[in-house]
Amino acid sequence: MIYLDTSVLVAAFALEAETERAQAWLWEQAPGALAISAWTQIEFAAALRFKSATGQITEAQRAVSAGQFSKVLEAALTTWTVEGADMEMAALIAAMDELRLRAPDSLHLAMARRRSATLCTLDHGLARACELVGHPAVKP
């Protein structure tokens, strides 16, 4: 199983420099092989709102991106519930000075780690943290 962090989904659906690469990689994956957390849905919505508010995308593009994500979510992604054990592990990860992760990225790593899933990210800091703790990570 491959756990997607929000950076991959934003790139795939919100017209960024990495959009083509992220989309191509996502479409190559086997059905049922990709997972996200319930938290990822919140973070994705916030990222689209930020991009719209800062003029990076239009309201129309925001609506299209949200709709496309919703369709892919329903058809191809497994959504994991954030459990207390995920939060506890995320707190431990966030406290590790050498990782320098913010709370959301700590939660993404905890979600993948607890379920022995490879973490897919475009975030260099999160990829580095995976390397430091010996957790498998891929970049689309």
Foldseek 3Di string as FASTA:
>chain_A
DEEEALQLLCLCQPDDPCNVVSVVVVVPDDAPQYEYEPVSLVVNLVVLVVCCVVVVDDPVSSVRSNVVVVVCCVGGYHYHYCDPQLQVQLVVLCPDPVLVDDSSLSSSVSVCVVVLHEYEDPDPSSCVSCVVVVRHYDYD
